[in-house]
Amino acid sequence: MRLVLLLASVALLWAETSAGLKWTAPPGWVYKGEAPMRAAQYTVGDAECVVYFFGPGQGGTVEANIARWSGQFAAPDGKPAAAKVTKSNVHGLPVTRMDISGTYTATGGAAMTSQAPKAANRMLAAIVEGPGGNLFIKFSGPAKSVAAQVAAFDGLLASFSKQ
């Protein structure tokens, strides 16, 4: 029993917070700090997970983000890739989760510069609707790397709760 309490206490020490929410990163994910609009950044192998917070009422609607993220991937025939979108409730918080694979075609960086398309990529993304605003979570990288972390990503989502 003492070991369980100790482990629970240690886990709480590593919990991240933003927008009135808290969460715990999966074991093995390396915390890379915060940055403007990024509540937390993690890497695991050659994949990256970013938790974005743009402020209360900011960042667009759930539907607009799903549409934009879906438009960042192309199927092998060049047409838009199909995304799998699911909705759930985690500790009283609405969560929309998206899973998409294909060639990543988005622009990026501070100047929104074009990047070379990245074939065989995958993104798991989610929007957690919190009391202080929405958190936008994007986990992306080579399809094989992301596939190996699906359970960890789902564990991350399951850890979200109100502060």
C-alpha atoms as a PDB file:
ATOM      1  CA  MET A   1       0.000   0.000   0.000  1.00  0.00           C
ATOM      2  CA  ARG A   2       2.821   2.414   0.840  1.00  0.00           C
ATOM      3  CA  LEU A   3       4.438   1.721  -2.520  1.00  0.00           C
ATOM      4  CA  VAL A   4       1.184   2.544  -4.319  1.00  0.00           C
ATOM      5  CA  LEU A   5       0.874   5.834  -2.429  1.00  0.00           C
ATOM      6  CA  LEU A   6       4.497   6.683  -3.126  1.00  0.00           C
ATOM      7  CA  LEU A   7       4.115   5.985  -6.842  1.00  0.00           C
ATOM      8  CA  ALA A   8       0.916   8.042  -6.999  1.00  0.00           C
ATOM      9  CA  SER A   9       2.678  10.946  -5.275  1.00  0.00           C
ATOM     10  CA  VAL A  10       5.623  10.772  -7.652  1.00  0.00           C
ATOM     11  CA  ALA A  11       3.283  10.700 -10.662  1.00  0.00           C
ATOM     12  CA  LEU A  12       1.576  13.864  -9.429  1.00  0.00           C
ATOM     13  CA  LEU A  13       4.933  15.622  -9.205  1.00  0.00           C
ATOM     14  CA  TRP A  14       5.425  15.054 -12.929  1.00  0.00           C
ATOM     15  CA  ALA A  15       1.927  16.169 -13.928  1.00  0.00           C
ATOM     16  CA  GLU A  16       1.764  19.070 -16.356  1.00  0.00           C
ATOM     17  CA  THR A  17      -0.921  21.771 -16.158  1.00  0.00           C
ATOM     18  CA  SER A  18      -2.583  24.332 -18.415  1.00  0.00           C
ATOM     19  CA  ALA A  19      -6.066  25.773 -19.014  1.00  0.00           C
ATOM     20  CA  GLY A  20      -7.322  24.427 -15.684  1.00  0.00           C
ATOM     21  CA  LEU A  21      -6.326  20.886 -16.656  1.00  0.00           C
ATOM     22  CA  LYS A  22      -3.595  18.514 -15.565  1.00  0.00           C
ATOM     23  CA  TRP A  23      -2.102  15.480 -17.275  1.00  0.00           C
ATOM     24  CA  THR A  24       0.803  13.082 -17.014  1.00  0.00           C
ATOM     25  CA  ALA A  25       3.090  12.182 -19.903  1.00  0.00           C
ATOM     26  CA  PRO A  26       3.640   8.492 -20.627  1.00  0.00           C
ATOM     27  CA  PRO A  27       6.809   6.797 -19.360  1.00  0.00           C
ATOM     28  CA  GLY A  28       9.661   7.149 -21.827  1.00  0.00           C
ATOM     29  CA  TRP A  29       8.412  10.390 -23.336  1.00  0.00           C
ATOM     30  CA  VAL A  30      11.086  13.081 -22.955  1.00  0.00           C
ATOM     31  CA  TYR A  31       9.807  16.464 -21.772  1.00  0.00           C
ATOM     32  CA  LYS A  32      11.200  19.292 -23.924  1.00  0.00           C
ATOM     33  CA  GLY A  33       9.718  22.228 -22.035  1.00  0.00           C
ATOM     34  CA  GLU A  34       7.257  24.932 -22.939  1.00  0.00           C
ATOM     35  CA  ALA A  35       7.284  27.578 -25.665  1.00  0.00           C
ATOM     36  CA  PRO A  36       4.871  30.285 -26.789  1.00  0.00           C
ATOM     37  CA  MET A  37       1.450  28.642 -27.309  1.00  0.00           C
ATOM     38  CA  ARG A  38       2.963  25.266 -26.359  1.00  0.00           C
ATOM     39  CA  ALA A  39       1.967  24.119 -22.884  1.00  0.00           C
ATOM     40  CA  ALA A  40       4.307  21.128 -23.197  1.00  0.00           C
ATOM     41  CA  GLN A  41       6.469  19.365 -25.768  1.00  0.00           C
ATOM     42  CA  TYR A  42       7.653  15.760 -25.723  1.00  0.00           C
ATOM     43  CA  THR A  43       9.716  13.507 -27.928  1.00  0.00           C
ATOM     44  CA  VAL A  44       9.818   9.751 -28.092  1.00  0.00           C
ATOM     45  CA  GLY A  45      12.242   8.393 -30.645  1.00  0.00           C
ATOM     46  CA  ASP A  46      11.725  10.291 -33.895  1.00  0.00           C
ATOM     47  CA  ALA A  47       8.140  11.314 -33.058  1.00  0.00           C
ATOM     48  CA  GLU A  48       6.969  14.462 -31.309  1.00  0.00           C
ATOM     49  CA  CYS A  49       3.962  15.363 -29.175  1.00  0.00           C
ATOM     50  CA  VAL A  50       2.954  18.967 -28.563  1.00  0.00           C
ATOM     51  CA  VAL A  51       0.201  20.182 -26.232  1.00  0.00           C
ATOM     52  CA  TYR A  52      -0.974  23.576 -27.497  1.00  0.00           C
ATOM     53  CA  PHE A  53      -2.920  26.201 -25.555  1.00  0.00           C
ATOM     54  CA  PHE A  54      -3.807  29.420 -27.369  1.00  0.00           C
ATOM     55  CA  GLY A  55      -5.890  31.007 -24.613  1.00  0.00           C
ATOM     56  CA  PRO A  56      -9.529  30.885 -23.533  1.00  0.00           C
ATOM     57  CA  GLY A  57     -11.837  30.789 -26.557  1.00  0.00           C
ATOM     58  CA  GLN A  58      -8.880  30.696 -28.971  1.00  0.00           C
ATOM     59  CA  GLY A  59      -7.595  28.091 -31.409  1.00  0.00           C
ATOM     60  CA  GLY A  60     -10.750  27.559 -33.451  1.00  0.00           C
ATOM     61  CA  THR A  61     -13.578  25.083 -33.181  1.00  0.00           C
ATOM     62  CA  VAL A  62     -13.136  21.355 -32.828  1.00  0.00           C
ATOM     63  CA  GLU A  63     -14.564  20.856 -36.325  1.00  0.00           C
ATOM     64  CA  ALA A  64     -12.295  23.497 -37.912  1.00  0.00           C
ATOM     65  CA  ASN A  65      -9.186  21.927 -36.386  1.00  0.00           C
ATOM     66  CA  ILE A  66     -10.147  18.412 -37.487  1.00  0.00           C
ATOM     67  CA  ALA A  67     -10.726  19.719 -41.028  1.00  0.00           C
ATOM     68  CA  ARG A  68      -7.407  21.610 -41.071  1.00  0.00           C
ATOM     69  CA  TRP A  69      -5.419  18.682 -39.673  1.00  0.00           C
ATOM     70  CA  SER A  70      -7.067  16.279 -42.123  1.00  0.00           C
ATOM     71  CA  GLY A  71      -6.049  18.566 -44.980  1.00  0.00           C
ATOM     72  CA  GLN A  72      -2.395  18.200 -43.984  1.00  0.00           C
ATOM     73  CA  PHE A  73      -2.262  14.547 -45.137  1.00  0.00           C
ATOM     74  CA  ALA A  74      -2.587  13.031 -48.600  1.00  0.00           C
ATOM     75  CA  ALA A  75      -3.376   9.439 -49.547  1.00  0.00           C
ATOM     76  CA  PRO A  76      -1.080   7.569 -51.987  1.00  0.00           C
ATOM     77  CA  ASP A  77      -3.288   8.703 -54.904  1.00  0.00           C
ATOM     78  CA  GLY A  78      -2.743  12.346 -53.924  1.00  0.00           C
ATOM     79  CA  LYS A  79      -6.292  12.834 -52.675  1.00  0.00           C
ATOM     80  CA  PRO A  80      -6.936  13.862 -49.064  1.00  0.00           C
ATOM     81  CA  ALA A  81      -6.294  11.044 -46.593  1.00  0.00           C
ATOM     82  CA  ALA A  82      -9.223   9.724 -44.574  1.00  0.00           C
ATOM     83  CA  ALA A  83      -9.158  10.471 -40.867  1.00  0.00           C
ATOM     84  CA  LYS A  84     -10.739   8.387 -38.138  1.00  0.00           C
ATOM     85  CA  VAL A  85     -12.427  10.716 -35.644  1.00  0.00           C
ATOM     86  CA  THR A  86     -13.909   9.581 -32.332  1.00  0.00           C
ATOM     87  CA  LYS A  87     -15.489  11.427 -29.429  1.00  0.00           C
ATOM     88  CA  SER A  88     -15.294  10.420 -25.787  1.00  0.00           C
ATOM     89  CA  ASN A  89     -15.503  11.783 -22.280  1.00  0.00           C
ATOM     90  CA  VAL A  90     -12.502  11.645 -19.938  1.00  0.00           C
ATOM     91  CA  HIS A  91     -13.066  12.585 -16.293  1.00  0.00           C
ATOM     92  CA  GLY A  92     -16.004  14.776 -17.354  1.00  0.00           C
ATOM     93  CA  LEU A  93     -14.067  16.442 -20.187  1.00  0.00           C
ATOM     94  CA  PRO A  94     -15.176  16.177 -23.832  1.00  0.00           C
ATOM     95  CA  VAL A  95     -12.344  14.753 -25.963  1.00  0.00           C
ATOM     96  CA  THR A  96     -12.253  14.521 -29.754  1.00  0.00           C
ATOM     97  CA  ARG A  97      -9.523  12.221 -31.093  1.00  0.00           C
ATOM     98  CA  MET A  98      -8.254  11.953 -34.657  1.00  0.00           C
ATOM     99  CA  ASP A  99      -5.990   9.361 -36.305  1.00  0.00           C
ATOM    100  CA  ILE A 100      -4.669   9.978 -39.813  1.00  0.00           C
ATOM    101  CA  SER A 101      -1.882   8.497 -41.952  1.00  0.00           C
ATOM    102  CA  GLY A 102      -0.350   9.310 -45.302  1.00  0.00           C
ATOM    103  CA  THR A 103       2.006  11.860 -46.772  1.00  0.00           C
ATOM    104  CA  TYR A 104       2.338  14.866 -44.502  1.00  0.00           C
ATOM    105  CA  THR A 105       2.073  17.950 -46.712  1.00  0.00           C
ATOM    106  CA  ALA A 106       1.658  20.851 -44.266  1.00  0.00           C
ATOM    107  CA  THR A 107       3.712  23.979 -43.965  1.00  0.00           C
ATOM    108  CA  GLY A 108       5.353  24.751 -40.654  1.00  0.00           C
ATOM    109  CA  GLY A 109       7.629  26.885 -38.591  1.00  0.00           C
ATOM    110  CA  ALA A 110       7.257  30.463 -37.442  1.00  0.00           C
ATOM    111  CA  ALA A 111       7.239  31.759 -41.018  1.00  0.00           C
ATOM    112  CA  MET A 112       4.887  28.969 -42.192  1.00  0.00           C
ATOM    113  CA  THR A 113       7.432  27.970 -44.813  1.00  0.00           C
ATOM    114  CA  SER A 114       6.922  25.037 -47.148  1.00  0.00           C
ATOM    115  CA  GLN A 115       8.473  21.748 -46.166  1.00  0.00           C
ATOM    116  CA  ALA A 116       9.145  18.745 -48.341  1.00  0.00           C
ATOM    117  CA  PRO A 117       6.254  16.259 -48.136  1.00  0.00           C
ATOM    118  CA  LYS A 118       6.927  13.439 -45.691  1.00  0.00           C
ATOM    119  CA  ALA A 119       5.667  10.050 -46.878  1.00  0.00           C
ATOM    120  CA  ALA A 120       4.533   7.312 -44.482  1.00  0.00           C
ATOM    121  CA  ASN A 121       3.685   9.680 -41.636  1.00  0.00           C
ATOM    122  CA  ARG A 122       0.945   9.464 -39.052  1.00  0.00           C
ATOM    123  CA  MET A 123      -0.658  11.883 -36.654  1.00  0.00           C
ATOM    124  CA  LEU A 124      -2.719  11.211 -33.565  1.00  0.00           C
ATOM    125  CA  ALA A 125      -4.410  14.407 -32.473  1.00  0.00           C
ATOM    126  CA  ALA A 126      -6.953  15.364 -29.856  1.00  0.00           C
ATOM    127  CA  ILE A 127      -8.833  18.327 -28.521  1.00  0.00           C
ATOM    128  CA  VAL A 128      -9.563  18.280 -24.809  1.00  0.00           C
ATOM    129  CA  GLU A 129     -12.241  20.806 -23.874  1.00  0.00           C
ATOM    130  CA  GLY A 130     -11.278  22.240 -20.503  1.00  0.00           C
ATOM    131  CA  PRO A 131     -12.681  24.851 -18.125  1.00  0.00           C
ATOM    132  CA  GLY A 132      -9.999  27.389 -19.067  1.00  0.00           C
ATOM    133  CA  GLY A 133     -10.078  26.689 -22.812  1.00  0.00           C
ATOM    134  CA  ASN A 134      -9.273  23.900 -25.213  1.00  0.00           C
ATOM    135  CA  LEU A 135      -5.983  22.026 -25.313  1.00  0.00           C
ATOM    136  CA  PHE A 136      -4.886  20.800 -28.737  1.00  0.00           C
ATOM    137  CA  ILE A 137      -2.627  17.741 -28.699  1.00  0.00           C
ATOM    138  CA  LYS A 138      -0.720  16.634 -31.807  1.00  0.00           C
ATOM    139  CA  PHE A 139       1.505  13.553 -31.827  1.00  0.00           C
ATOM    140  CA  SER A 140       3.206  13.017 -35.178  1.00  0.00           C
ATOM    141  CA  GLY A 141       6.105  11.346 -36.899  1.00  0.00           C
ATOM    142  CA  PRO A 142       6.963   8.331 -39.031  1.00  0.00           C
ATOM    143  CA  ALA A 143       3.973   5.964 -39.156  1.00  0.00           C
ATOM    144  CA  LYS A 144       5.890   3.078 -37.541  1.00  0.00           C
ATOM    145  CA  SER A 145       7.081   5.255 -34.655  1.00  0.00           C
ATOM    146  CA  VAL A 146       3.604   6.619 -33.981  1.00  0.00           C
ATOM    147  CA  ALA A 147       2.041   3.139 -34.258  1.00  0.00           C
ATOM    148  CA  ALA A 148       4.346   1.940 -31.481  1.00  0.00           C
ATOM    149  CA  GLN A 149       3.011   4.712 -29.197  1.00  0.00           C
ATOM    150  CA  VAL A 150      -0.771   4.498 -29.756  1.00  0.00           C
ATOM    151  CA  ALA A 151      -1.405   2.986 -26.313  1.00  0.00           C
ATOM    152  CA  ALA A 152       0.858   5.605 -24.711  1.00  0.00           C
ATOM    153  CA  PHE A 153      -0.999   8.425 -26.506  1.00  0.00           C
ATOM    154  CA  ASP A 154      -4.329   7.015 -25.350  1.00  0.00           C
ATOM    155  CA  GLY A 155      -2.890   6.826 -21.830  1.00  0.00           C
ATOM    156  CA  LEU A 156      -1.937  10.491 -22.085  1.00  0.00           C
ATOM    157  CA  LEU A 157      -5.512  11.356 -23.069  1.00  0.00           C
ATOM    158  CA  ALA A 158      -6.891   9.232 -20.226  1.00  0.00           C
ATOM    159  CA  SER A 159      -4.752  11.173 -17.737  1.00  0.00           C
ATOM    160  CA  PHE A 160      -6.416  14.545 -18.424  1.00  0.00           C
ATOM    161  CA  SER A 161      -8.515  15.874 -15.555  1.00  0.00           C
ATOM    162  CA  LYS A 162      -9.516  19.184 -14.012  1.00  0.00           C
ATOM    163  CA  GLN A 163      -6.942  20.748 -11.679  1.00  0.00           C
END
